[in-house]
């Protein structure tokens, strides 16, 4: 588990085109998990209320992500993420806190064999 956390932490800010970030990794040099978490992290940041910003509408978030395609994100992962995002987003925003806790508990059990 620690190796996965290190892999994601070390690479999730790297840009697909190697611009800007710390190690200057590009494309396939960035770990698979870091590439996935990059998309998930930006999606979450844009869809979440923060002290410094309001929640952005879903369509605006998707447009921002698509604009980052091939520069910021792995194109293949971004396309897949965009294909499933609407369903996931719809489920999450229409779920009560109790239902969300149950969903998360089931996902943890499923993905971590607990």
PDB file of N, CA and C in Angstrom:
ATOM      1  N   UNK A   1       0.819  -1.190   0.000  1.00  0.00           N
ATOM      2  CA  UNK A   1       0.000   0.000   0.000  1.00  0.00           C
ATOM      3  C   UNK A   1       0.870   1.263   0.000  1.00  0.00           C
ATOM      4  N   UNK A   2       1.966   1.233   0.764  1.00  0.00           N
ATOM      5  CA  UNK A   2       2.853   2.390   0.835  1.00  0.00           C
ATOM      6  C   UNK A   2       3.467   2.697  -0.525  1.00  0.00           C
ATOM      7  N   UNK A   3       3.823   1.655  -1.289  1.00  0.00           N
ATOM      8  CA  UNK A   3       4.393   1.862  -2.621  1.00  0.00           C
ATOM      9  C   UNK A   3       3.391   2.551  -3.542  1.00  0.00           C
ATOM     10  N   UNK A   4       2.135   2.159  -3.447  1.00  0.00           N
ATOM     11  CA  UNK A   4       1.102   2.785  -4.274  1.00  0.00           C
ATOM     12  C   UNK A   4       0.962   4.253  -3.900  1.00  0.00           C
ATOM     13  N   UNK A   5       0.916   4.536  -2.613  1.00  0.00           N
ATOM     14  CA  UNK A   5       0.790   5.926  -2.165  1.00  0.00           C
ATOM     15  C   UNK A   5       1.975   6.755  -2.635  1.00  0.00           C
ATOM     16  N   UNK A   6       3.170   6.201  -2.549  1.00  0.00           N
ATOM     17  CA  UNK A   6       4.359   6.919  -3.007  1.00  0.00           C
ATOM     18  C   UNK A   6       4.308   7.173  -4.508  1.00  0.00           C
ATOM     19  N   UNK A   7       3.885   6.173  -5.258  1.00  0.00           N
ATOM     20  CA  UNK A   7       3.792   6.280  -6.715  1.00  0.00           C
ATOM     21  C   UNK A   7       2.825   7.387  -7.126  1.00  0.00           C
ATOM     22  N   UNK A   8       1.670   7.419  -6.484  1.00  0.00           N
ATOM     23  CA  UNK A   8       0.665   8.432  -6.809  1.00  0.00           C
ATOM     24  C   UNK A   8       1.135   9.812  -6.368  1.00  0.00           C
ATOM     25  N   UNK A   9       1.628   9.897  -5.153  1.00  0.00           N
ATOM     26  CA  UNK A   9       2.081  11.183  -4.623  1.00  0.00           C
ATOM     27  C   UNK A   9       3.218  11.761  -5.458  1.00  0.00           C
ATOM     28  N   UNK A  10       4.129  10.929  -5.868  1.00  0.00           N
ATOM     29  CA  UNK A  10       5.291  11.390  -6.627  1.00  0.00           C
ATOM     30  C   UNK A  10       4.945  11.813  -8.047  1.00  0.00           C
ATOM     31  N   UNK A  11       3.844  11.310  -8.606  1.00  0.00           N
ATOM     32  CA  UNK A  11       3.600  11.564 -10.019  1.00  0.00           C
ATOM     33  C   UNK A  11       2.307  12.224 -10.410  1.00  0.00           C
ATOM     34  N   UNK A  12       1.393  12.445  -9.473  1.00  0.00           N
ATOM     35  CA  UNK A  12       0.077  12.914  -9.896  1.00  0.00           C
ATOM     36  C   UNK A  12       0.030  14.385 -10.342  1.00  0.00           C
ATOM     37  N   UNK A  13       1.098  15.116 -10.168  1.00  0.00           N
ATOM     38  CA  UNK A  13       1.145  16.487 -10.690  1.00  0.00           C
ATOM     39  C   UNK A  13       1.973  16.604 -11.969  1.00  0.00           C
ATOM     40  N   UNK A  14       2.558  15.503 -12.400  1.00  0.00           N
ATOM     41  CA  UNK A  14       3.314  15.527 -13.656  1.00  0.00           C
ATOM     42  C   UNK A  14       2.342  15.749 -14.815  1.00  0.00           C
ATOM     43  N   UNK A  15       2.768  16.498 -15.794  1.00  0.00           N
ATOM     44  CA  UNK A  15       1.940  16.781 -16.972  1.00  0.00           C
ATOM     45  C   UNK A  15       2.278  15.784 -18.079  1.00  0.00           C
ATOM     46  N   UNK A  16       1.285  15.393 -18.828  1.00  0.00           N
ATOM     47  CA  UNK A  16       1.466  14.424 -19.910  1.00  0.00           C
ATOM     48  C   UNK A  16       2.545  14.879 -20.884  1.00  0.00           C
ATOM     49  N   UNK A  17       2.617  16.190 -21.143  1.00  0.00           N
ATOM     50  CA  UNK A  17       3.595  16.711 -22.102  1.00  0.00           C
ATOM     51  C   UNK A  17       4.915  17.124 -21.437  1.00  0.00           C
ATOM     52  N   UNK A  18       5.100  16.801 -20.190  1.00  0.00           N
ATOM     53  CA  UNK A  18       6.286  17.066 -19.368  1.00  0.00           C
ATOM     54  C   UNK A  18       6.469  18.532 -18.991  1.00  0.00           C
ATOM     55  N   UNK A  19       5.518  19.377 -19.297  1.00  0.00           N
ATOM     56  CA  UNK A  19       5.657  20.788 -18.950  1.00  0.00           C
ATOM     57  C   UNK A  19       5.492  21.002 -17.454  1.00  0.00           C
ATOM     58  N   UNK A  20       6.228  21.881 -16.938  1.00  0.00           N
ATOM     59  CA  UNK A  20       6.064  22.477 -15.628  1.00  0.00           C
ATOM     60  C   UNK A  20       6.533  21.683 -14.422  1.00  0.00           C
ATOM     61  N   UNK A  21       6.188  20.444 -14.240  1.00  0.00           N
ATOM     62  CA  UNK A  21       6.340  19.889 -12.899  1.00  0.00           C
ATOM     63  C   UNK A  21       7.708  19.318 -12.577  1.00  0.00           C
ATOM     64  N   UNK A  22       7.853  19.004 -11.356  1.00  0.00           N
ATOM     65  CA  UNK A  22       9.057  18.623 -10.639  1.00  0.00           C
ATOM     66  C   UNK A  22      10.040  17.737 -11.402  1.00  0.00           C
ATOM     67  N   UNK A  23       9.654  16.539 -11.749  1.00  0.00           N
ATOM     68  CA  UNK A  23      10.594  15.604 -12.351  1.00  0.00           C
ATOM     69  C   UNK A  23      10.610  15.684 -13.869  1.00  0.00           C
ATOM     70  N   UNK A  24       9.664  16.383 -14.453  1.00  0.00           N
ATOM     71  CA  UNK A  24       9.630  16.538 -15.896  1.00  0.00           C
ATOM     72  C   UNK A  24       9.323  15.256 -16.648  1.00  0.00           C
ATOM     73  N   UNK A  25       8.609  14.349 -15.999  1.00  0.00           N
ATOM     74  CA  UNK A  25       8.218  13.116 -16.670  1.00  0.00           C
ATOM     75  C   UNK A  25       7.185  13.419 -17.738  1.00  0.00           C
ATOM     76  N   UNK A  26       7.118  12.562 -18.746  1.00  0.00           N
ATOM     77  CA  UNK A  26       6.148  12.753 -19.829  1.00  0.00           C
ATOM     78  C   UNK A  26       5.524  11.421 -20.198  1.00  0.00           C
ATOM     79  N   UNK A  27       4.286  11.484 -20.670  1.00  0.00           N
ATOM     80  CA  UNK A  27       3.606  10.327 -21.228  1.00  0.00           C
ATOM     81  C   UNK A  27       3.709   9.085 -20.373  1.00  0.00           C
ATOM     82  N   UNK A  28       4.159   7.993 -20.989  1.00  0.00           N
ATOM     83  CA  UNK A  28       4.227   6.694 -20.336  1.00  0.00           C
ATOM     84  C   UNK A  28       5.248   6.640 -19.194  1.00  0.00           C
ATOM     85  N   UNK A  29       6.114   7.641 -19.080  1.00  0.00           N
ATOM     86  CA  UNK A  29       7.053   7.683 -17.955  1.00  0.00           C
ATOM     87  C   UNK A  29       6.317   7.903 -16.636  1.00  0.00           C
ATOM     88  N   UNK A  30       5.165   8.532 -16.703  1.00  0.00           N
ATOM     89  CA  UNK A  30       4.347   8.781 -15.516  1.00  0.00           C
ATOM     90  C   UNK A  30       3.624   7.480 -15.192  1.00  0.00           C
ATOM     91  N   UNK A  31       3.643   7.072 -13.936  1.00  0.00           N
ATOM     92  CA  UNK A  31       3.034   5.791 -13.572  1.00  0.00           C
ATOM     93  C   UNK A  31       1.548   5.766 -13.916  1.00  0.00           C
ATOM     94  N   UNK A  32       1.072   4.579 -14.169  1.00  0.00           N
ATOM     95  CA  UNK A  32      -0.337   4.361 -14.506  1.00  0.00           C
ATOM     96  C   UNK A  32      -1.257   4.952 -13.448  1.00  0.00           C
ATOM     97  N   UNK A  33      -0.996   4.643 -12.184  1.00  0.00           N
ATOM     98  CA  UNK A  33      -1.848   5.150 -11.111  1.00  0.00           C
ATOM     99  C   UNK A  33      -1.786   6.665 -11.000  1.00  0.00           C
ATOM    100  N   UNK A  34      -0.619   7.235 -11.178  1.00  0.00           N
ATOM    101  CA  UNK A  34      -0.495   8.693 -11.110  1.00  0.00           C
ATOM    102  C   UNK A  34      -1.294   9.353 -12.233  1.00  0.00           C
ATOM    103  N   UNK A  35      -1.280   8.761 -13.429  1.00  0.00           N
ATOM    104  CA  UNK A  35      -2.053   9.315 -14.548  1.00  0.00           C
ATOM    105  C   UNK A  35      -3.542   9.274 -14.258  1.00  0.00           C
ATOM    106  N   UNK A  36      -4.001   8.210 -13.640  1.00  0.00           N
ATOM    107  CA  UNK A  36      -5.420   8.103 -13.284  1.00  0.00           C
ATOM    108  C   UNK A  36      -5.761   9.119 -12.202  1.00  0.00           C
ATOM    109  N   UNK A  37      -4.937   9.172 -11.161  1.00  0.00           N
ATOM    110  CA  UNK A  37      -5.216  10.090 -10.053  1.00  0.00           C
ATOM    111  C   UNK A  37      -5.125  11.550 -10.471  1.00  0.00           C
ATOM    112  N   UNK A  38      -4.343  11.859 -11.486  1.00  0.00           N
ATOM    113  CA  UNK A  38      -4.282  13.221 -11.998  1.00  0.00           C
ATOM    114  C   UNK A  38      -5.664  13.666 -12.462  1.00  0.00           C
ATOM    115  N   UNK A  39      -6.313  12.832 -13.244  1.00  0.00           N
ATOM    116  CA  UNK A  39      -7.648  13.158 -13.758  1.00  0.00           C
ATOM    117  C   UNK A  39      -8.652  13.224 -12.612  1.00  0.00           C
ATOM    118  N   UNK A  40      -8.628  12.232 -11.747  1.00  0.00           N
ATOM    119  CA  UNK A  40      -9.560  12.188 -10.619  1.00  0.00           C
ATOM    120  C   UNK A  40      -9.366  13.395  -9.709  1.00  0.00           C
ATOM    121  N   UNK A  41      -8.116  13.756  -9.446  1.00  0.00           N
ATOM    122  CA  UNK A  41      -7.833  14.887  -8.560  1.00  0.00           C
ATOM    123  C   UNK A  41      -8.318  16.213  -9.122  1.00  0.00           C
ATOM    124  N   UNK A  42      -8.085  16.439 -10.410  1.00  0.00           N
ATOM    125  CA  UNK A  42      -8.548  17.685 -11.022  1.00  0.00           C
ATOM    126  C   UNK A  42     -10.074  17.708 -11.061  1.00  0.00           C
ATOM    127  N   UNK A  43     -10.687  16.591 -11.427  1.00  0.00           N
ATOM    128  CA  UNK A  43     -12.147  16.507 -11.439  1.00  0.00           C
ATOM    129  C   UNK A  43     -12.707  16.845 -10.058  1.00  0.00           C
ATOM    130  N   UNK A  44     -12.151  16.235  -9.029  1.00  0.00           N
ATOM    131  CA  UNK A  44     -12.606  16.483  -7.668  1.00  0.00           C
ATOM    132  C   UNK A  44     -12.414  17.941  -7.270  1.00  0.00           C
ATOM    133  N   UNK A  45     -11.264  18.505  -7.584  1.00  0.00           N
ATOM    134  CA  UNK A  45     -10.995  19.901  -7.217  1.00  0.00           C
ATOM    135  C   UNK A  45     -11.984  20.846  -7.895  1.00  0.00           C
ATOM    136  N   UNK A  46     -12.308  20.583  -9.149  1.00  0.00           N
ATOM    137  CA  UNK A  46     -13.217  21.461  -9.877  1.00  0.00           C
ATOM    138  C   UNK A  46     -14.671  21.297  -9.428  1.00  0.00           C
ATOM    139  N   UNK A  47     -15.045  20.084  -9.034  1.00  0.00           N
ATOM    140  CA  UNK A  47     -16.430  19.804  -8.637  1.00  0.00           C
ATOM    141  C   UNK A  47     -16.702  20.100  -7.169  1.00  0.00           C
ATOM    142  N   UNK A  48     -15.673  20.368  -6.404  1.00  0.00           N
ATOM    143  CA  UNK A  48     -15.825  20.564  -4.961  1.00  0.00           C
ATOM    144  C   UNK A  48     -15.752  22.034  -4.592  1.00  0.00           C
ATOM    145  N   UNK A  49     -16.526  22.389  -3.588  1.00  0.00           N
ATOM    146  CA  UNK A  49     -16.430  23.741  -3.050  1.00  0.00           C
ATOM    147  C   UNK A  49     -15.134  23.838  -2.248  1.00  0.00           C
ATOM    148  N   UNK A  50     -14.437  24.907  -2.438  1.00  0.00           N
ATOM    149  CA  UNK A  50     -13.203  25.175  -1.695  1.00  0.00           C
ATOM    150  C   UNK A  50     -13.320  26.556  -1.065  1.00  0.00           C
ATOM    151  N   UNK A  51     -12.475  26.850  -0.124  1.00  0.00           N
ATOM    152  CA  UNK A  51     -12.518  28.170   0.510  1.00  0.00           C
ATOM    153  C   UNK A  51     -12.347  29.286  -0.509  1.00  0.00           C
ATOM    154  N   UNK A  52     -11.607  29.013  -1.557  1.00  0.00           N
ATOM    155  CA  UNK A  52     -11.270  30.024  -2.547  1.00  0.00           C
ATOM    156  C   UNK A  52     -12.125  29.963  -3.816  1.00  0.00           C
ATOM    157  N   UNK A  53     -13.086  29.021  -3.898  1.00  0.00           N
ATOM    158  CA  UNK A  53     -13.904  28.938  -5.107  1.00  0.00           C
ATOM    159  C   UNK A  53     -15.209  28.192  -4.853  1.00  0.00           C
ATOM    160  N   UNK A  54     -16.164  28.463  -5.695  1.00  0.00           N
ATOM    161  CA  UNK A  54     -17.447  27.771  -5.660  1.00  0.00           C
ATOM    162  C   UNK A  54     -17.347  26.486  -6.484  1.00  0.00           C
ATOM    163  N   UNK A  55     -18.351  25.640  -6.353  1.00  0.00           N
ATOM    164  CA  UNK A  55     -18.453  24.438  -7.171  1.00  0.00           C
ATOM    165  C   UNK A  55     -18.719  24.867  -8.613  1.00  0.00           C
ATOM    166  N   UNK A  56     -18.028  24.255  -9.554  1.00  0.00           N
ATOM    167  CA  UNK A  56     -18.281  24.535 -10.967  1.00  0.00           C
ATOM    168  C   UNK A  56     -19.339  23.573 -11.492  1.00  0.00           C
ATOM    169  N   UNK A  57     -20.149  24.013 -12.442  1.00  0.00           N
ATOM    170  CA  UNK A  57     -21.142  23.109 -13.046  1.00  0.00           C
ATOM    171  C   UNK A  57     -20.448  21.947 -13.761  1.00  0.00           C
ATOM    172  N   UNK A  58     -21.104  20.796 -13.752  1.00  0.00           N
ATOM    173  CA  UNK A  58     -20.529  19.579 -14.320  1.00  0.00           C
ATOM    174  C   UNK A  58     -20.047  19.786 -15.752  1.00  0.00           C
ATOM    175  N   UNK A  59     -20.846  20.399 -16.602  1.00  0.00           N
ATOM    176  CA  UNK A  59     -20.456  20.592 -18.007  1.00  0.00           C
ATOM    177  C   UNK A  59     -19.204  21.458 -18.142  1.00  0.00           C
ATOM    178  N   UNK A  60     -19.088  22.452 -17.284  1.00  0.00           N
ATOM    179  CA  UNK A  60     -17.891  23.302 -17.307  1.00  0.00           C
ATOM    180  C   UNK A  60     -16.655  22.503 -16.881  1.00  0.00           C
ATOM    181  N   UNK A  61     -16.815  21.660 -15.874  1.00  0.00           N
ATOM    182  CA  UNK A  61     -15.718  20.801 -15.429  1.00  0.00           C
ATOM    183  C   UNK A  61     -15.262  19.903 -16.570  1.00  0.00           C
ATOM    184  N   UNK A  62     -16.208  19.295 -17.264  1.00  0.00           N
ATOM    185  CA  UNK A  62     -15.858  18.393 -18.360  1.00  0.00           C
ATOM    186  C   UNK A  62     -15.151  19.150 -19.481  1.00  0.00           C
ATOM    187  N   UNK A  63     -15.576  20.370 -19.765  1.00  0.00           N
ATOM    188  CA  UNK A  63     -14.910  21.176 -20.795  1.00  0.00           C
ATOM    189  C   UNK A  63     -13.472  21.515 -20.393  1.00  0.00           C
ATOM    190  N   UNK A  64     -13.265  21.841 -19.130  1.00  0.00           N
ATOM    191  CA  UNK A  64     -11.917  22.143 -18.645  1.00  0.00           C
ATOM    192  C   UNK A  64     -11.024  20.913 -18.780  1.00  0.00           C
ATOM    193  N   UNK A  65     -11.537  19.757 -18.385  1.00  0.00           N
ATOM    194  CA  UNK A  65     -10.757  18.523 -18.507  1.00  0.00           C
ATOM    195  C   UNK A  65     -10.401  18.250 -19.967  1.00  0.00           C
ATOM    196  N   UNK A  66     -11.364  18.394 -20.845  1.00  0.00           N
ATOM    197  CA  UNK A  66     -11.100  18.123 -22.269  1.00  0.00           C
ATOM    198  C   UNK A  66     -10.073  19.096 -22.847  1.00  0.00           C
ATOM    199  N   UNK A  67     -10.081  20.333 -22.380  1.00  0.00           N
ATOM    200  CA  UNK A  67      -9.083  21.299 -22.854  1.00  0.00           C
ATOM    201  C   UNK A  67      -7.670  20.904 -22.423  1.00  0.00           C
ATOM    202  N   UNK A  68      -7.570  20.146 -21.331  1.00  0.00           N
ATOM    203  CA  UNK A  68      -6.268  19.707 -20.849  1.00  0.00           C
ATOM    204  C   UNK A  68      -5.782  18.428 -21.508  1.00  0.00           C
ATOM    205  N   UNK A  69      -6.595  17.913 -22.408  1.00  0.00           N
ATOM    206  CA  UNK A  69      -6.261  16.669 -23.092  1.00  0.00           C
ATOM    207  C   UNK A  69      -4.964  16.805 -23.866  1.00  0.00           C
ATOM    208  N   UNK A  70      -4.139  15.782 -23.797  1.00  0.00           N
ATOM    209  CA  UNK A  70      -2.854  15.658 -24.489  1.00  0.00           C
ATOM    210  C   UNK A  70      -1.771  16.598 -23.969  1.00  0.00           C
ATOM    211  N   UNK A  71      -2.120  17.618 -23.228  1.00  0.00           N
ATOM    212  CA  UNK A  71      -1.105  18.466 -22.614  1.00  0.00           C
ATOM    213  C   UNK A  71      -0.949  18.078 -21.153  1.00  0.00           C
ATOM    214  N   UNK A  72      -2.053  18.022 -20.473  1.00  0.00           N
ATOM    215  CA  UNK A  72      -2.045  17.758 -19.035  1.00  0.00           C
ATOM    216  C   UNK A  72      -2.316  16.279 -18.729  1.00  0.00           C
ATOM    217  N   UNK A  73      -3.217  15.653 -19.484  1.00  0.00           N
ATOM    218  CA  UNK A  73      -3.708  14.316 -19.157  1.00  0.00           C
ATOM    219  C   UNK A  73      -3.392  13.290 -20.238  1.00  0.00           C
ATOM    220  N   UNK A  74      -3.370  12.044 -19.813  1.00  0.00           N
ATOM    221  CA  UNK A  74      -3.298  10.910 -20.727  1.00  0.00           C
ATOM    222  C   UNK A  74      -4.621  10.873 -21.501  1.00  0.00           C
ATOM    223  N   UNK A  75      -4.557  11.051 -22.804  1.00  0.00           N
ATOM    224  CA  UNK A  75      -5.752  11.150 -23.652  1.00  0.00           C
ATOM    225  C   UNK A  75      -6.662   9.935 -23.501  1.00  0.00           C
ATOM    226  N   UNK A  76      -6.101   8.746 -23.517  1.00  0.00           N
ATOM    227  CA  UNK A  76      -6.903   7.519 -23.430  1.00  0.00           C
ATOM    228  C   UNK A  76      -7.654   7.460 -22.100  1.00  0.00           C
ATOM    229  N   UNK A  77      -6.963   7.752 -20.997  1.00  0.00           N
ATOM    230  CA  UNK A  77      -7.611   7.727 -19.690  1.00  0.00           C
ATOM    231  C   UNK A  77      -8.650   8.834 -19.569  1.00  0.00           C
ATOM    232  N   UNK A  78      -8.355   9.979 -20.132  1.00  0.00           N
ATOM    233  CA  UNK A  78      -9.309  11.081 -20.071  1.00  0.00           C
ATOM    234  C   UNK A  78     -10.593  10.726 -20.815  1.00  0.00           C
ATOM    235  N   UNK A  79     -10.474  10.153 -21.994  1.00  0.00           N
ATOM    236  CA  UNK A  79     -11.666   9.762 -22.757  1.00  0.00           C
ATOM    237  C   UNK A  79     -12.501   8.757 -21.981  1.00  0.00           C
ATOM    238  N   UNK A  80     -11.853   7.775 -21.394  1.00  0.00           N
ATOM    239  CA  UNK A  80     -12.570   6.776 -20.598  1.00  0.00           C
ATOM    240  C   UNK A  80     -13.232   7.434 -19.396  1.00  0.00           C
ATOM    241  N   UNK A  81     -12.510   8.317 -18.729  1.00  0.00           N
ATOM    242  CA  UNK A  81     -13.053   9.017 -17.561  1.00  0.00           C
ATOM    243  C   UNK A  81     -14.266   9.853 -17.938  1.00  0.00           C
ATOM    244  N   UNK A  82     -14.175  10.561 -19.055  1.00  0.00           N
ATOM    245  CA  UNK A  82     -15.293  11.392 -19.501  1.00  0.00           C
ATOM    246  C   UNK A  82     -16.509  10.538 -19.844  1.00  0.00           C
ATOM    247  N   UNK A  83     -16.268   9.358 -20.400  1.00  0.00           N
ATOM    248  CA  UNK A  83     -17.367   8.463 -20.757  1.00  0.00           C
ATOM    249  C   UNK A  83     -18.163   8.012 -19.534  1.00  0.00           C
ATOM    250  N   UNK A  84     -17.491   7.816 -18.411  1.00  0.00           N
ATOM    251  CA  UNK A  84     -18.184   7.305 -17.225  1.00  0.00           C
ATOM    252  C   UNK A  84     -18.517   8.386 -16.192  1.00  0.00           C
ATOM    253  N   UNK A  85     -17.964   9.584 -16.363  1.00  0.00           N
ATOM    254  CA  UNK A  85     -18.102  10.639 -15.349  1.00  0.00           C
ATOM    255  C   UNK A  85     -19.541  11.049 -15.094  1.00  0.00           C
ATOM    256  N   UNK A  86     -20.335  11.166 -16.127  1.00  0.00           N
ATOM    257  CA  UNK A  86     -21.709  11.629 -15.951  1.00  0.00           C
ATOM    258  C   UNK A  86     -22.497  10.697 -15.037  1.00  0.00           C
ATOM    259  N   UNK A  87     -22.385   9.402 -15.258  1.00  0.00           N
ATOM    260  CA  UNK A  87     -23.092   8.438 -14.418  1.00  0.00           C
ATOM    261  C   UNK A  87     -22.629   8.466 -12.980  1.00  0.00           C
ATOM    262  N   UNK A  88     -21.316   8.522 -12.802  1.00  0.00           N
ATOM    263  CA  UNK A  88     -20.758   8.550 -11.448  1.00  0.00           C
ATOM    264  C   UNK A  88     -21.158   9.842 -10.734  1.00  0.00           C
ATOM    265  N   UNK A  89     -21.020  10.946 -11.438  1.00  0.00           N
ATOM    266  CA  UNK A  89     -21.367  12.245 -10.849  1.00  0.00           C
ATOM    267  C   UNK A  89     -22.848  12.265 -10.458  1.00  0.00           C
ATOM    268  N   UNK A  90     -23.703  11.773 -11.365  1.00  0.00           N
ATOM    269  CA  UNK A  90     -25.141  11.724 -11.080  1.00  0.00           C
ATOM    270  C   UNK A  90     -25.460  10.898  -9.852  1.00  0.00           C
ATOM    271  N   UNK A  91     -24.758   9.792  -9.699  1.00  0.00           N
ATOM    272  CA  UNK A  91     -24.959   8.935  -8.530  1.00  0.00           C
ATOM    273  C   UNK A  91     -24.528   9.649  -7.255  1.00  0.00           C
ATOM    274  N   UNK A  92     -23.377  10.274  -7.297  1.00  0.00           N
ATOM    275  CA  UNK A  92     -22.827  10.896  -6.096  1.00  0.00           C
ATOM    276  C   UNK A  92     -23.648  12.089  -5.636  1.00  0.00           C
ATOM    277  N   UNK A  93     -24.038  12.970  -6.549  1.00  0.00           N
ATOM    278  CA  UNK A  93     -24.759  14.174  -6.125  1.00  0.00           C
ATOM    279  C   UNK A  93     -26.187  13.878  -5.696  1.00  0.00           C
ATOM    280  N   UNK A  94     -26.717  12.728  -6.093  1.00  0.00           N
ATOM    281  CA  UNK A  94     -28.088  12.365  -5.726  1.00  0.00           C
ATOM    282  C   UNK A  94     -28.141  11.315  -4.623  1.00  0.00           C
ATOM    283  N   UNK A  95     -27.050  11.139  -3.906  1.00  0.00           N
ATOM    284  CA  UNK A  95     -26.953  10.122  -2.863  1.00  0.00           C
ATOM    285  C   UNK A  95     -26.889  10.790  -1.498  1.00  0.00           C
ATOM    286  N   UNK A  96     -27.646  10.246  -0.568  1.00  0.00           N
ATOM    287  CA  UNK A  96     -27.608  10.776   0.797  1.00  0.00           C
ATOM    288  C   UNK A  96     -26.279  10.409   1.441  1.00  0.00           C
ATOM    289  N   UNK A  97     -25.989  11.046   2.550  1.00  0.00           N
ATOM    290  CA  UNK A  97     -24.744  10.759   3.247  1.00  0.00           C
ATOM    291  C   UNK A  97     -24.697   9.299   3.701  1.00  0.00           C
ATOM    292  N   UNK A  98     -25.808   8.782   4.212  1.00  0.00           N
ATOM    293  CA  UNK A  98     -25.854   7.384   4.662  1.00  0.00           C
ATOM    294  C   UNK A  98     -25.626   6.429   3.484  1.00  0.00           C
ATOM    295  N   UNK A  99     -26.264   6.714   2.354  1.00  0.00           N
ATOM    296  CA  UNK A  99     -26.079   5.878   1.165  1.00  0.00           C
ATOM    297  C   UNK A  99     -24.637   5.951   0.670  1.00  0.00           C
ATOM    298  N   UNK A 100     -24.034   7.127   0.747  1.00  0.00           N
ATOM    299  CA  UNK A 100     -22.656   7.300   0.308  1.00  0.00           C
ATOM    300  C   UNK A 100     -21.694   6.518   1.201  1.00  0.00           C
ATOM    301  N   UNK A 101     -21.936   6.534   2.500  1.00  0.00           N
ATOM    302  CA  UNK A 101     -21.094   5.762   3.417  1.00  0.00           C
ATOM    303  C   UNK A 101     -21.178   4.277   3.086  1.00  0.00           C
ATOM    304  N   UNK A 102     -22.370   3.790   2.807  1.00  0.00           N
ATOM    305  CA  UNK A 102     -22.542   2.384   2.452  1.00  0.00           C
ATOM    306  C   UNK A 102     -21.855   2.064   1.118  1.00  0.00           C
ATOM    307  N   UNK A 103     -22.005   2.955   0.148  1.00  0.00           N
ATOM    308  CA  UNK A 103     -21.356   2.772  -1.146  1.00  0.00           C
ATOM    309  C   UNK A 103     -19.838   2.718  -0.983  1.00  0.00           C
ATOM    310  N   UNK A 104     -19.282   3.649  -0.207  1.00  0.00           N
ATOM    311  CA  UNK A 104     -17.840   3.679   0.005  1.00  0.00           C
ATOM    312  C   UNK A 104     -17.360   2.427   0.745  1.00  0.00           C
ATOM    313  N   UNK A 105     -18.115   1.993   1.737  1.00  0.00           N
ATOM    314  CA  UNK A 105     -17.761   0.785   2.471  1.00  0.00           C
ATOM    315  C   UNK A 105     -17.720  -0.420   1.518  1.00  0.00           C
ATOM    316  N   UNK A 106     -18.707  -0.529   0.651  1.00  0.00           N
ATOM    317  CA  UNK A 106     -18.747  -1.631  -0.314  1.00  0.00           C
ATOM    318  C   UNK A 106     -17.595  -1.547  -1.311  1.00  0.00           C
ATOM    319  N   UNK A 107     -17.258  -0.341  -1.767  1.00  0.00           N
ATOM    320  CA  UNK A 107     -16.151  -0.173  -2.704  1.00  0.00           C
ATOM    321  C   UNK A 107     -14.810  -0.539  -2.063  1.00  0.00           C
ATOM    322  N   UNK A 108     -14.605  -0.137  -0.833  1.00  0.00           N
ATOM    323  CA  UNK A 108     -13.367  -0.483  -0.132  1.00  0.00           C
ATOM    324  C   UNK A 108     -13.264  -1.994   0.009  1.00  0.00           C
ATOM    325  N   UNK A 109     -14.345  -2.639   0.407  1.00  0.00           N
ATOM    326  CA  UNK A 109     -14.338  -4.103   0.534  1.00  0.00           C
ATOM    327  C   UNK A 109     -14.035  -4.759  -0.813  1.00  0.00           C
ATOM    328  N   UNK A 110     -14.675  -4.267  -1.843  1.00  0.00           N
ATOM    329  CA  UNK A 110     -14.520  -4.856  -3.186  1.00  0.00           C
ATOM    330  C   UNK A 110     -13.087  -4.693  -3.721  1.00  0.00           C
ATOM    331  N   UNK A 111     -12.554  -3.485  -3.616  1.00  0.00           N
ATOM    332  CA  UNK A 111     -11.266  -3.196  -4.223  1.00  0.00           C
ATOM    333  C   UNK A 111     -10.066  -3.541  -3.360  1.00  0.00           C
ATOM    334  N   UNK A 112     -10.278  -3.680  -2.076  1.00  0.00           N
ATOM    335  CA  UNK A 112      -9.163  -4.000  -1.184  1.00  0.00           C
ATOM    336  C   UNK A 112      -9.324  -5.349  -0.514  1.00  0.00           C
ATOM    337  N   UNK A 113     -10.290  -6.119  -1.004  1.00  0.00           N
ATOM    338  CA  UNK A 113     -10.517  -7.486  -0.506  1.00  0.00           C
ATOM    339  C   UNK A 113     -10.655  -7.543   1.015  1.00  0.00           C
ATOM    340  N   UNK A 114     -11.404  -6.621   1.569  1.00  0.00           N
ATOM    341  CA  UNK A 114     -11.599  -6.603   3.037  1.00  0.00           C
ATOM    342  C   UNK A 114     -12.923  -7.233   3.407  1.00  0.00           C
TER     343      UNK A 114
END
